[in-house]
Amino acid sequence: MNIGILSTGIYIPKQFITGKEIAIKAGIPLEIVEMKMGIKRKPVPSNEDHTCQMGIIAAKQAIERAGIDPKDINLIIYIGEEHKEYPLWTAAIKMQEELGAYHAWAFDVALRCGTTIMAMKVAKSMMIADPSIQTVLLAGGYRNGDFIDYENERTRFMFNLGAGGGAILLQKGLKKNILLESEIMTDGTFSEDVVVTAGGTKQPITHEVLEKGLYRLDVLDPQGMKRRLEQKSMDNFLKVIRSALYKSGYTEKDIKYVAMLHMKRSAHQNVLKELGLSEEQSIYLENYGHIGQIDQILSLELAELEGKLHDGDIVVLVSAGIGYAWGANVIRWGNSQN
């Protein structure tokens, strides 16, 4: 049974912060920000760019591009971040109302920056299992850059966090952009390495907590995390790609394009090298930074605009997220008779 990508949508805020501005805020050389971290600029949210709302804007774009009636959507899965308009709030239901998807039902999922890839796997499984689910909307927003303190050296690897929204429409029986197989790995030894230390049940918000700035992202064991990630991260990154390809009936030699999250420049280049790919077979998001789980959708859209995707191309979407989670989807792009 074919499950294909009917359309995508993207929303990028109009405001940006440059690599130079980040360098000044962090007190580090511009060359480090632009060349090593790979940030020439990144979008930052305005006062109106709320997390769920950015996803709604992207969803409206995807629906318009697909030329469908929102009432034809059977299921909405919110793929955006927990940091949104309100805490303890199911954003997907708000989306359902705003989009006029009155025949759908809705829920939220989360796997940090691996959410989109995980949600695509979940959506496909649900569509195969339930005959009533024909069309699924995945949409959400991201603005976790709100939690970054540029003076905190422990969080330098997250200075790339930006803002934006993305959406994907999946449809059963579609003979284009076929979603093939996926692979996801999680490793709980990293589960408490990167956290916002205050605001949960362990440390509720107080005046003292706010004064100390404990409402921001922090790394509790930076050296330990770095050591453990160096041992596992790249191997797991490549492992999920190769496993998803194998389950789809392909190998890394068949890859034509990789939609990859933004990470430091050397890591991006290393992934391509390990897969035997050229830099032309991916897009480095140095002008966008890391918009969390929206990166893969953005990369697909940019690749289409640049003419990098063709009928029959094997495209891999790949992610890594704090927690830690690694994931990959395989897509056979364009029109297909199979």
C-alpha atoms as a PDB file:
ATOM      1  CA  MET A   1       0.000   0.000   0.000  1.00  0.00           C
ATOM      2  CA  ASN A   2       1.482   3.327  -1.089  1.00  0.00           C
ATOM      3  CA  ILE A   3       1.628   6.253   1.325  1.00  0.00           C
ATOM      4  CA  GLY A   4       2.941   9.364  -0.411  1.00  0.00           C
ATOM      5  CA  ILE A   5       3.784  12.967   0.362  1.00  0.00           C
ATOM      6  CA  LEU A   6       1.042  15.034  -1.258  1.00  0.00           C
ATOM      7  CA  SER A   7       2.577  18.410  -0.380  1.00  0.00           C
ATOM      8  CA  THR A   8       4.659  20.303   2.142  1.00  0.00           C
ATOM      9  CA  GLY A   9       4.538  23.773   3.656  1.00  0.00           C
ATOM     10  CA  ILE A  10       7.088  25.958   5.391  1.00  0.00           C
ATOM     11  CA  TYR A  11       7.040  29.168   7.399  1.00  0.00           C
ATOM     12  CA  ILE A  12      10.175  31.165   8.202  1.00  0.00           C
ATOM     13  CA  PRO A  13       9.966  34.322  10.376  1.00  0.00           C
ATOM     14  CA  LYS A  14      11.043  37.541   8.723  1.00  0.00           C
ATOM     15  CA  GLN A  15      13.529  38.436  11.469  1.00  0.00           C
ATOM     16  CA  PHE A  16      17.056  37.001  11.519  1.00  0.00           C
ATOM     17  CA  ILE A  17      20.065  37.129  13.796  1.00  0.00           C
ATOM     18  CA  THR A  18      23.425  37.011  12.036  1.00  0.00           C
ATOM     19  CA  GLY A  19      26.491  34.995  12.855  1.00  0.00           C
ATOM     20  CA  LYS A  20      28.247  38.249  13.683  1.00  0.00           C
ATOM     21  CA  GLU A  21      25.590  39.162  16.244  1.00  0.00           C
ATOM     22  CA  ILE A  22      25.822  35.697  17.818  1.00  0.00           C
ATOM     23  CA  ALA A  23      29.611  36.008  17.987  1.00  0.00           C
ATOM     24  CA  ILE A  24      29.310  39.332  19.833  1.00  0.00           C
ATOM     25  CA  LYS A  25      26.703  37.973  22.264  1.00  0.00           C
ATOM     26  CA  ALA A  26      28.785  34.864  22.989  1.00  0.00           C
ATOM     27  CA  GLY A  27      32.176  36.568  23.007  1.00  0.00           C
ATOM     28  CA  ILE A  28      33.658  34.159  20.465  1.00  0.00           C
ATOM     29  CA  PRO A  29      35.330  34.742  17.058  1.00  0.00           C
ATOM     30  CA  LEU A  30      33.038  35.187  14.053  1.00  0.00           C
ATOM     31  CA  GLU A  31      34.995  32.491  12.200  1.00  0.00           C
ATOM     32  CA  ILE A  32      33.988  29.942  14.861  1.00  0.00           C
ATOM     33  CA  VAL A  33      30.305  30.823  14.485  1.00  0.00           C
ATOM     34  CA  GLU A  34      30.228  30.892  10.688  1.00  0.00           C
ATOM     35  CA  MET A  35      32.712  28.182   9.752  1.00  0.00           C
ATOM     36  CA  LYS A  36      32.745  25.694  12.646  1.00  0.00           C
ATOM     37  CA  MET A  37      29.179  26.067  13.955  1.00  0.00           C
ATOM     38  CA  GLY A  38      27.954  26.789  10.451  1.00  0.00           C
ATOM     39  CA  ILE A  39      25.670  29.727  11.247  1.00  0.00           C
ATOM     40  CA  LYS A  40      25.691  32.657   8.838  1.00  0.00           C
ATOM     41  CA  ARG A  41      22.258  33.686  10.081  1.00  0.00           C
ATOM     42  CA  LYS A  42      19.147  32.094  11.556  1.00  0.00           C
ATOM     43  CA  PRO A  43      15.488  33.127  11.883  1.00  0.00           C
ATOM     44  CA  VAL A  44      14.207  34.396  15.227  1.00  0.00           C
ATOM     45  CA  PRO A  45      10.537  34.775  16.153  1.00  0.00           C
ATOM     46  CA  SER A  46       8.654  38.037  16.407  1.00  0.00           C
ATOM     47  CA  ASN A  47       6.070  38.588  19.148  1.00  0.00           C
ATOM     48  CA  GLU A  48       3.451  37.109  16.788  1.00  0.00           C
ATOM     49  CA  ASP A  49       5.420  34.018  15.779  1.00  0.00           C
ATOM     50  CA  HIS A  50       3.959  31.534  18.252  1.00  0.00           C
ATOM     51  CA  THR A  51       4.874  27.859  17.963  1.00  0.00           C
ATOM     52  CA  CYS A  52       1.532  26.321  17.022  1.00  0.00           C
ATOM     53  CA  GLN A  53       0.606  29.346  14.902  1.00  0.00           C
ATOM     54  CA  MET A  54       3.733  28.953  12.765  1.00  0.00           C
ATOM     55  CA  GLY A  55       2.685  25.354  12.164  1.00  0.00           C
ATOM     56  CA  ILE A  56      -0.812  26.499  11.182  1.00  0.00           C
ATOM     57  CA  ILE A  57       0.623  28.928   8.619  1.00  0.00           C
ATOM     58  CA  ALA A  58       2.759  26.138   7.128  1.00  0.00           C
ATOM     59  CA  ALA A  59      -0.236  23.773   7.155  1.00  0.00           C
ATOM     60  CA  LYS A  60      -2.400  26.260   5.253  1.00  0.00           C
ATOM     61  CA  GLN A  61       0.340  26.503   2.630  1.00  0.00           C
ATOM     62  CA  ALA A  62       0.537  22.700   2.307  1.00  0.00           C
ATOM     63  CA  ILE A  63      -3.265  22.426   1.988  1.00  0.00           C
ATOM     64  CA  GLU A  64      -3.343  25.145  -0.673  1.00  0.00           C
ATOM     65  CA  ARG A  65      -0.536  23.499  -2.642  1.00  0.00           C
ATOM     66  CA  ALA A  66      -2.316  20.133  -2.469  1.00  0.00           C
ATOM     67  CA  GLY A  67      -5.583  21.665  -3.644  1.00  0.00           C
ATOM     68  CA  ILE A  68      -7.651  19.739  -1.111  1.00  0.00           C
ATOM     69  CA  ASP A  69     -10.512  20.685   1.177  1.00  0.00           C
ATOM     70  CA  PRO A  70      -9.393  20.731   4.863  1.00  0.00           C
ATOM     71  CA  LYS A  71     -12.496  18.642   5.608  1.00  0.00           C
ATOM     72  CA  ASP A  72     -10.854  15.813   3.626  1.00  0.00           C
ATOM     73  CA  ILE A  73      -8.128  15.505   6.286  1.00  0.00           C
ATOM     74  CA  ASN A  74      -8.786  12.513   8.566  1.00  0.00           C
ATOM     75  CA  LEU A  75      -6.033  12.994  11.147  1.00  0.00           C
ATOM     76  CA  ILE A  76      -3.807  15.837  12.363  1.00  0.00           C
ATOM     77  CA  ILE A  77      -0.569  15.098  14.192  1.00  0.00           C
ATOM     78  CA  TYR A  78       1.163  18.065  15.835  1.00  0.00           C
ATOM     79  CA  ILE A  79       4.923  17.694  15.334  1.00  0.00           C
ATOM     80  CA  GLY A  80       5.968  21.000  16.901  1.00  0.00           C
ATOM     81  CA  GLU A  81       7.650  21.669  20.206  1.00  0.00           C
ATOM     82  CA  GLU A  82       6.288  21.547  23.749  1.00  0.00           C
ATOM     83  CA  HIS A  83       7.371  25.172  24.132  1.00  0.00           C
ATOM     84  CA  LYS A  84       4.262  26.721  22.650  1.00  0.00           C
ATOM     85  CA  GLU A  85       1.403  29.147  23.298  1.00  0.00           C
ATOM     86  CA  TYR A  86       0.260  27.464  26.523  1.00  0.00           C
ATOM     87  CA  PRO A  87       1.585  24.631  28.709  1.00  0.00           C
ATOM     88  CA  LEU A  88      -0.519  21.477  29.163  1.00  0.00           C
ATOM     89  CA  TRP A  89      -2.233  22.172  25.840  1.00  0.00           C
ATOM     90  CA  THR A  90      -2.949  19.902  22.874  1.00  0.00           C
ATOM     91  CA  ALA A  91      -1.887  22.041  19.926  1.00  0.00           C
ATOM     92  CA  ALA A  92      -3.179  19.643  17.256  1.00  0.00           C
ATOM     93  CA  ILE A  93      -6.775  20.307  18.328  1.00  0.00           C
ATOM     94  CA  LYS A  94      -6.219  24.060  17.933  1.00  0.00           C
ATOM     95  CA  MET A  95      -4.852  23.349  14.441  1.00  0.00           C
ATOM     96  CA  GLN A  96      -7.926  21.298  13.595  1.00  0.00           C
ATOM     97  CA  GLU A  97     -10.181  24.242  14.436  1.00  0.00           C
ATOM     98  CA  GLU A  98      -8.062  26.925  12.757  1.00  0.00           C
ATOM     99  CA  LEU A  99      -7.745  24.915   9.546  1.00  0.00           C
ATOM    100  CA  GLY A 100     -11.400  23.916   9.361  1.00  0.00           C
ATOM    101  CA  ALA A 101     -10.496  20.217   9.403  1.00  0.00           C
ATOM    102  CA  TYR A 102     -13.814  19.371  11.015  1.00  0.00           C
ATOM    103  CA  HIS A 103     -13.820  15.692   9.991  1.00  0.00           C
ATOM    104  CA  ALA A 104     -10.399  14.996  11.501  1.00  0.00           C
ATOM    105  CA  TRP A 105      -9.271  14.023  14.952  1.00  0.00           C
ATOM    106  CA  ALA A 106      -5.978  15.233  16.373  1.00  0.00           C
ATOM    107  CA  PHE A 107      -3.144  14.581  18.813  1.00  0.00           C
ATOM    108  CA  ASP A 108       0.403  15.746  19.637  1.00  0.00           C
ATOM    109  CA  VAL A 109       3.638  13.726  19.502  1.00  0.00           C
ATOM    110  CA  ALA A 110       7.164  14.571  20.630  1.00  0.00           C
ATOM    111  CA  LEU A 111      10.684  13.256  20.117  1.00  0.00           C
ATOM    112  CA  ARG A 112      12.461  16.604  20.134  1.00  0.00           C
ATOM    113  CA  CYS A 113      14.295  17.151  16.847  1.00  0.00           C
ATOM    114  CA  GLY A 114      13.396  13.611  15.737  1.00  0.00           C
ATOM    115  CA  THR A 115       9.657  14.287  15.900  1.00  0.00           C
ATOM    116  CA  THR A 116       8.916  14.693  12.184  1.00  0.00           C
ATOM    117  CA  ILE A 117      10.615  11.447  11.194  1.00  0.00           C
ATOM    118  CA  MET A 118       8.985   9.566  14.070  1.00  0.00           C
ATOM    119  CA  ALA A 119       5.558  11.043  13.232  1.00  0.00           C
ATOM    120  CA  MET A 120       5.887  10.007   9.586  1.00  0.00           C
ATOM    121  CA  LYS A 121       6.530   6.440  10.708  1.00  0.00           C
ATOM    122  CA  VAL A 122       3.572   6.548  13.126  1.00  0.00           C
ATOM    123  CA  ALA A 123       1.267   8.105  10.531  1.00  0.00           C
ATOM    124  CA  LYS A 124       2.128   5.495   7.904  1.00  0.00           C
ATOM    125  CA  SER A 125       1.465   2.655  10.354  1.00  0.00           C
ATOM    126  CA  MET A 126      -1.882   4.166  11.346  1.00  0.00           C
ATOM    127  CA  MET A 127      -2.898   4.686   7.726  1.00  0.00           C
ATOM    128  CA  ILE A 128      -2.131   1.057   6.891  1.00  0.00           C
ATOM    129  CA  ALA A 129      -3.943  -0.230   9.992  1.00  0.00           C
ATOM    130  CA  ASP A 130      -7.056   1.954   9.796  1.00  0.00           C
ATOM    131  CA  PRO A 131      -9.054   2.027   6.518  1.00  0.00           C
ATOM    132  CA  SER A 132     -10.766   5.271   7.573  1.00  0.00           C
ATOM    133  CA  ILE A 133      -7.504   7.247   7.614  1.00  0.00           C
ATOM    134  CA  GLN A 134      -6.798   8.376   4.061  1.00  0.00           C
ATOM    135  CA  THR A 135      -5.155  11.783   4.500  1.00  0.00           C
ATOM    136  CA  VAL A 136      -2.942  12.868   7.403  1.00  0.00           C
ATOM    137  CA  LEU A 137      -1.532  16.309   8.181  1.00  0.00           C
ATOM    138  CA  LEU A 138       1.701  16.572  10.150  1.00  0.00           C
ATOM    139  CA  ALA A 139       2.406  20.160  11.214  1.00  0.00           C
ATOM    140  CA  GLY A 140       4.050  22.189  13.938  1.00  0.00           C
ATOM    141  CA  GLY A 141       6.353  25.010  14.892  1.00  0.00           C
ATOM    142  CA  TYR A 142       9.643  25.491  16.700  1.00  0.00           C
ATOM    143  CA  ARG A 143      11.237  28.323  18.649  1.00  0.00           C
ATOM    144  CA  ASN A 144      13.471  26.654  21.236  1.00  0.00           C
ATOM    145  CA  GLY A 145      16.053  29.338  20.601  1.00  0.00           C
ATOM    146  CA  ASP A 146      14.100  31.196  23.304  1.00  0.00           C
ATOM    147  CA  PHE A 147      15.914  28.971  25.816  1.00  0.00           C
ATOM    148  CA  ILE A 148      19.460  29.781  24.726  1.00  0.00           C
ATOM    149  CA  ASP A 149      21.824  31.862  26.850  1.00  0.00           C
ATOM    150  CA  TYR A 150      24.693  32.870  24.567  1.00  0.00           C
ATOM    151  CA  GLU A 151      26.933  33.423  27.583  1.00  0.00           C
ATOM    152  CA  ASN A 152      26.605  29.757  28.625  1.00  0.00           C
ATOM    153  CA  GLU A 153      29.540  27.895  27.063  1.00  0.00           C
ATOM    154  CA  ARG A 154      27.965  24.532  27.916  1.00  0.00           C
ATOM    155  CA  THR A 155      25.213  25.114  25.347  1.00  0.00           C
ATOM    156  CA  ARG A 156      27.343  26.325  22.439  1.00  0.00           C
ATOM    157  CA  PHE A 157      26.299  23.373  20.277  1.00  0.00           C
ATOM    158  CA  MET A 158      22.752  24.724  20.499  1.00  0.00           C
ATOM    159  CA  PHE A 159      23.538  28.311  19.444  1.00  0.00           C
ATOM    160  CA  ASN A 160      22.104  27.306  16.051  1.00  0.00           C
ATOM    161  CA  LEU A 161      18.524  26.923  17.378  1.00  0.00           C
ATOM    162  CA  GLY A 162      16.167  29.036  15.277  1.00  0.00           C
ATOM    163  CA  ALA A 163      12.444  29.359  14.634  1.00  0.00           C
ATOM    164  CA  GLY A 164       9.887  28.364  12.027  1.00  0.00           C
ATOM    165  CA  GLY A 165       7.034  26.071  11.095  1.00  0.00           C
ATOM    166  CA  GLY A 166       6.558  23.136   8.774  1.00  0.00           C
ATOM    167  CA  ALA A 167       3.881  20.796   7.460  1.00  0.00           C
ATOM    168  CA  ILE A 168       3.572  17.568   5.481  1.00  0.00           C
ATOM    169  CA  LEU A 169       0.417  16.084   3.962  1.00  0.00           C
ATOM    170  CA  LEU A 170       0.451  12.304   3.570  1.00  0.00           C
ATOM    171  CA  GLN A 171      -2.137  10.484   1.468  1.00  0.00           C
ATOM    172  CA  LYS A 172      -2.947   6.819   1.052  1.00  0.00           C
ATOM    173  CA  GLY A 173      -2.826   5.424  -2.493  1.00  0.00           C
ATOM    174  CA  LEU A 174      -0.747   8.329  -3.811  1.00  0.00           C
ATOM    175  CA  LYS A 175       1.645   7.321  -6.584  1.00  0.00           C
ATOM    176  CA  LYS A 176       4.243   9.988  -5.978  1.00  0.00           C
ATOM    177  CA  ASN A 177       6.816  10.796  -3.283  1.00  0.00           C
ATOM    178  CA  ILE A 178       6.331   7.343  -1.745  1.00  0.00           C
ATOM    179  CA  LEU A 179       7.231   7.043   1.942  1.00  0.00           C
ATOM    180  CA  LEU A 180       9.102   3.756   2.220  1.00  0.00           C
ATOM    181  CA  GLU A 181      10.632   2.478   5.465  1.00  0.00           C
ATOM    182  CA  SER A 182      12.013   4.132   8.599  1.00  0.00           C
ATOM    183  CA  GLU A 183      14.457   3.397  11.381  1.00  0.00           C
ATOM    184  CA  ILE A 184      14.551   5.029  14.818  1.00  0.00           C
ATOM    185  CA  MET A 185      16.974   4.512  17.700  1.00  0.00           C
ATOM    186  CA  THR A 186      16.873   5.954  21.213  1.00  0.00           C
ATOM    187  CA  ASP A 187      19.496   5.839  23.963  1.00  0.00           C
ATOM    188  CA  GLY A 188      18.389   6.692  27.492  1.00  0.00           C
ATOM    189  CA  THR A 189      21.917   7.159  28.818  1.00  0.00           C
ATOM    190  CA  PHE A 190      21.611  10.708  27.426  1.00  0.00           C
ATOM    191  CA  SER A 191      18.091  11.354  28.723  1.00  0.00           C
ATOM    192  CA  GLU A 192      19.016  13.918  31.388  1.00  0.00           C
ATOM    193  CA  ASP A 193      22.054  15.508  29.762  1.00  0.00           C
ATOM    194  CA  VAL A 194      20.250  18.445  28.130  1.00  0.00           C
ATOM    195  CA  VAL A 195      17.330  19.896  30.072  1.00  0.00           C
ATOM    196  CA  VAL A 196      15.631  23.074  31.199  1.00  0.00           C
ATOM    197  CA  THR A 197      16.334  22.611  34.879  1.00  0.00           C
ATOM    198  CA  ALA A 198      13.386  24.627  36.186  1.00  0.00           C
ATOM    199  CA  GLY A 199       9.693  24.611  35.398  1.00  0.00           C
ATOM    200  CA  GLY A 200       8.969  20.938  35.983  1.00  0.00           C
ATOM    201  CA  THR A 201       7.942  19.051  39.096  1.00  0.00           C
ATOM    202  CA  LYS A 202      11.557  18.695  40.286  1.00  0.00           C
ATOM    203  CA  GLN A 203      12.124  22.438  40.432  1.00  0.00           C
ATOM    204  CA  PRO A 204       9.030  24.606  40.005  1.00  0.00           C
ATOM    205  CA  ILE A 205       9.291  28.197  38.805  1.00  0.00           C
ATOM    206  CA  THR A 206      10.055  30.680  41.600  1.00  0.00           C
ATOM    207  CA  HIS A 207      11.419  34.231  41.709  1.00  0.00           C
ATOM    208  CA  GLU A 208      14.811  32.811  42.722  1.00  0.00           C
ATOM    209  CA  VAL A 209      14.830  30.382  39.791  1.00  0.00           C
ATOM    210  CA  LEU A 210      14.038  33.192  37.355  1.00  0.00           C
ATOM    211  CA  GLU A 211      16.753  35.430  38.789  1.00  0.00           C
ATOM    212  CA  LYS A 212      19.303  32.626  38.355  1.00  0.00           C
ATOM    213  CA  GLY A 213      18.246  32.063  34.733  1.00  0.00           C
ATOM    214  CA  LEU A 214      17.442  28.398  35.341  1.00  0.00           C
ATOM    215  CA  TYR A 215      14.552  28.527  32.885  1.00  0.00           C
ATOM    216  CA  ARG A 216      16.989  28.126  29.980  1.00  0.00           C
ATOM    217  CA  LEU A 217      18.472  25.041  28.362  1.00  0.00           C
ATOM    218  CA  ASP A 218      21.561  23.684  30.043  1.00  0.00           C
ATOM    219  CA  VAL A 219      23.911  20.708  29.874  1.00  0.00           C
ATOM    220  CA  LEU A 220      24.276  18.989  33.232  1.00  0.00           C
ATOM    221  CA  ASP A 221      27.346  16.874  32.367  1.00  0.00           C
ATOM    222  CA  PRO A 222      29.026  18.505  29.363  1.00  0.00           C
ATOM    223  CA  GLN A 223      32.242  16.483  29.400  1.00  0.00           C
ATOM    224  CA  GLY A 224      30.469  13.184  29.978  1.00  0.00           C
ATOM    225  CA  MET A 225      27.945  13.915  27.267  1.00  0.00           C
ATOM    226  CA  LYS A 226      30.646  14.886  24.782  1.00  0.00           C
ATOM    227  CA  ARG A 227      32.596  11.708  25.499  1.00  0.00           C
ATOM    228  CA  ARG A 228      29.550   9.450  25.139  1.00  0.00           C
ATOM    229  CA  LEU A 229      28.303  11.214  21.996  1.00  0.00           C
ATOM    230  CA  GLU A 230      31.691  10.919  20.322  1.00  0.00           C
ATOM    231  CA  GLN A 231      31.511   7.165  20.912  1.00  0.00           C
ATOM    232  CA  LYS A 232      27.993   6.715  19.571  1.00  0.00           C
ATOM    233  CA  SER A 233      26.436   9.591  17.668  1.00  0.00           C
ATOM    234  CA  MET A 234      27.965   9.329  14.189  1.00  0.00           C
ATOM    235  CA  ASP A 235      27.728   5.537  14.221  1.00  0.00           C
ATOM    236  CA  ASN A 236      24.045   5.691  15.162  1.00  0.00           C
ATOM    237  CA  PHE A 237      23.406   8.422  12.613  1.00  0.00           C
ATOM    238  CA  LEU A 238      24.767   6.227   9.836  1.00  0.00           C
ATOM    239  CA  LYS A 239      23.149   3.114  11.285  1.00  0.00           C
ATOM    240  CA  VAL A 240      19.584   4.479  11.053  1.00  0.00           C
ATOM    241  CA  ILE A 241      20.202   5.654   7.480  1.00  0.00           C
ATOM    242  CA  ARG A 242      21.571   2.291   6.355  1.00  0.00           C
ATOM    243  CA  SER A 243      18.877   0.337   8.196  1.00  0.00           C
ATOM    244  CA  ALA A 244      16.029   2.408   6.726  1.00  0.00           C
ATOM    245  CA  LEU A 245      17.552   1.949   3.265  1.00  0.00           C
ATOM    246  CA  TYR A 246      17.962  -1.809   3.740  1.00  0.00           C
ATOM    247  CA  LYS A 247      14.345  -2.204   4.858  1.00  0.00           C
ATOM    248  CA  SER A 248      13.309  -0.206   1.781  1.00  0.00           C
ATOM    249  CA  GLY A 249      15.304  -2.446  -0.567  1.00  0.00           C
ATOM    250  CA  TYR A 250      18.123   0.014  -1.239  1.00  0.00           C
ATOM    251  CA  THR A 251      21.691   0.809  -0.171  1.00  0.00           C
ATOM    252  CA  GLU A 252      23.583   4.034   0.372  1.00  0.00           C
ATOM    253  CA  LYS A 253      24.783   3.820  -3.248  1.00  0.00           C
ATOM    254  CA  ASP A 254      21.194   4.524  -4.322  1.00  0.00           C
ATOM    255  CA  ILE A 255      20.887   7.808  -2.382  1.00  0.00           C
ATOM    256  CA  LYS A 256      20.413  10.888  -4.543  1.00  0.00           C
ATOM    257  CA  TYR A 257      19.649  13.432  -1.809  1.00  0.00           C
ATOM    258  CA  VAL A 258      19.853  13.635   2.001  1.00  0.00           C
ATOM    259  CA  ALA A 259      17.598  16.071   3.884  1.00  0.00           C
ATOM    260  CA  MET A 260      19.679  16.517   6.996  1.00  0.00           C
ATOM    261  CA  LEU A 261      19.291  18.522  10.167  1.00  0.00           C
ATOM    262  CA  HIS A 262      21.610  21.466  10.690  1.00  0.00           C
ATOM    263  CA  MET A 263      24.671  20.582  12.764  1.00  0.00           C
ATOM    264  CA  LYS A 264      28.270  21.733  12.850  1.00  0.00           C
ATOM    265  CA  ARG A 265      29.789  21.905   9.395  1.00  0.00           C
ATOM    266  CA  SER A 266      32.370  19.148   9.907  1.00  0.00           C
ATOM    267  CA  ALA A 267      29.702  16.670  11.082  1.00  0.00           C
ATOM    268  CA  HIS A 268      27.538  17.398   8.030  1.00  0.00           C
ATOM    269  CA  GLN A 269      30.495  16.891   5.718  1.00  0.00           C
ATOM    270  CA  ASN A 270      31.489  13.697   7.526  1.00  0.00           C
ATOM    271  CA  VAL A 271      28.042  12.141   7.043  1.00  0.00           C
ATOM    272  CA  LEU A 272      28.203  12.837   3.317  1.00  0.00           C
ATOM    273  CA  LYS A 273      31.728  11.426   3.114  1.00  0.00           C
ATOM    274  CA  GLU A 274      30.758   8.231   4.967  1.00  0.00           C
ATOM    275  CA  LEU A 275      27.820   7.734   2.597  1.00  0.00           C
ATOM    276  CA  GLY A 276      29.938   8.409  -0.485  1.00  0.00           C
ATOM    277  CA  LEU A 277      27.920  11.504  -1.385  1.00  0.00           C
ATOM    278  CA  SER A 278      28.931  14.914  -2.687  1.00  0.00           C
ATOM    279  CA  GLU A 279      28.022  18.229  -1.090  1.00  0.00           C
ATOM    280  CA  GLU A 280      25.640  18.777  -4.025  1.00  0.00           C
ATOM    281  CA  GLN A 281      23.501  15.904  -2.708  1.00  0.00           C
ATOM    282  CA  SER A 282      22.417  17.797   0.387  1.00  0.00           C
ATOM    283  CA  ILE A 283      21.851  21.402   1.460  1.00  0.00           C
ATOM    284  CA  TYR A 284      23.718  22.825   4.418  1.00  0.00           C
ATOM    285  CA  LEU A 285      21.275  25.048   6.300  1.00  0.00           C
ATOM    286  CA  GLU A 286      23.804  27.752   7.206  1.00  0.00           C
ATOM    287  CA  ASN A 287      21.295  30.520   6.464  1.00  0.00           C
ATOM    288  CA  TYR A 288      18.602  28.986   8.669  1.00  0.00           C
ATOM    289  CA  GLY A 289      20.366  27.303  11.579  1.00  0.00           C
ATOM    290  CA  HIS A 290      18.597  24.418  13.268  1.00  0.00           C
ATOM    291  CA  ILE A 291      14.796  24.719  13.306  1.00  0.00           C
ATOM    292  CA  GLY A 292      14.501  21.435  15.177  1.00  0.00           C
ATOM    293  CA  GLN A 293      12.246  18.861  13.546  1.00  0.00           C
ATOM    294  CA  ILE A 294      11.363  21.323  10.769  1.00  0.00           C
ATOM    295  CA  ASP A 295      14.829  21.010   9.177  1.00  0.00           C
ATOM    296  CA  GLN A 296      13.963  18.009   6.994  1.00  0.00           C
ATOM    297  CA  ILE A 297      10.855  19.706   5.569  1.00  0.00           C
ATOM    298  CA  LEU A 298      12.843  22.878   4.872  1.00  0.00           C
ATOM    299  CA  SER A 299      15.624  20.890   3.211  1.00  0.00           C
ATOM    300  CA  LEU A 300      13.116  19.127   0.925  1.00  0.00           C
ATOM    301  CA  GLU A 301      11.559  22.439  -0.106  1.00  0.00           C
ATOM    302  CA  LEU A 302      14.936  24.041  -0.806  1.00  0.00           C
ATOM    303  CA  ALA A 303      16.022  20.972  -2.794  1.00  0.00           C
ATOM    304  CA  GLU A 304      12.916  21.216  -4.954  1.00  0.00           C
ATOM    305  CA  LEU A 305      13.528  24.911  -5.555  1.00  0.00           C
ATOM    306  CA  GLU A 306      17.121  24.193  -6.585  1.00  0.00           C
ATOM    307  CA  GLY A 307      16.095  21.355  -8.914  1.00  0.00           C
ATOM    308  CA  LYS A 308      17.896  18.681  -6.927  1.00  0.00           C
ATOM    309  CA  LEU A 309      14.953  16.215  -6.826  1.00  0.00           C
ATOM    310  CA  HIS A 310      13.874  14.120  -9.816  1.00  0.00           C
ATOM    311  CA  ASP A 311      11.423  11.302 -10.504  1.00  0.00           C
ATOM    312  CA  GLY A 312      12.638   8.041  -9.008  1.00  0.00           C
ATOM    313  CA  ASP A 313      15.294   9.615  -6.777  1.00  0.00           C
ATOM    314  CA  ILE A 314      15.913   7.900  -3.454  1.00  0.00           C
ATOM    315  CA  VAL A 315      15.769  10.597  -0.789  1.00  0.00           C
ATOM    316  CA  VAL A 316      16.705  10.101   2.851  1.00  0.00           C
ATOM    317  CA  LEU A 317      15.419  12.278   5.698  1.00  0.00           C
ATOM    318  CA  VAL A 318      17.619  12.025   8.784  1.00  0.00           C
ATOM    319  CA  SER A 319      17.512  13.523  12.270  1.00  0.00           C
ATOM    320  CA  ALA A 320      19.143  13.439  15.685  1.00  0.00           C
ATOM    321  CA  GLY A 321      17.602  14.858  18.832  1.00  0.00           C
ATOM    322  CA  ILE A 322      18.544  15.347  22.450  1.00  0.00           C
ATOM    323  CA  GLY A 323      17.450  12.512  24.639  1.00  0.00           C
ATOM    324  CA  TYR A 324      19.061  10.970  22.538  1.00  0.00           C
ATOM    325  CA  ALA A 325      17.227   9.851  19.396  1.00  0.00           C
ATOM    326  CA  TRP A 326      18.329   9.161  15.822  1.00  0.00           C
ATOM    327  CA  GLY A 327      15.930   8.556  12.937  1.00  0.00           C
ATOM    328  CA  ALA A 328      15.707   8.193   9.168  1.00  0.00           C
ATOM    329  CA  ASN A 329      12.964   7.844   6.530  1.00  0.00           C
ATOM    330  CA  VAL A 330      13.403   6.779   2.914  1.00  0.00           C
ATOM    331  CA  ILE A 331      11.305   8.363   0.146  1.00  0.00           C
ATOM    332  CA  ARG A 332      11.128   7.403  -3.514  1.00  0.00           C
ATOM    333  CA  TRP A 333      10.660  10.837  -4.972  1.00  0.00           C
ATOM    334  CA  GLY A 334       8.445  11.909  -7.824  1.00  0.00           C
ATOM    335  CA  ASN A 335       5.919   9.947  -9.861  1.00  0.00           C
ATOM    336  CA  SER A 336       5.904   6.182  -9.532  1.00  0.00           C
ATOM    337  CA  GLN A 337       4.009   3.345 -11.194  1.00  0.00           C
ATOM    338  CA  ASN A 338       5.007   0.818  -8.505  1.00  0.00           C
END
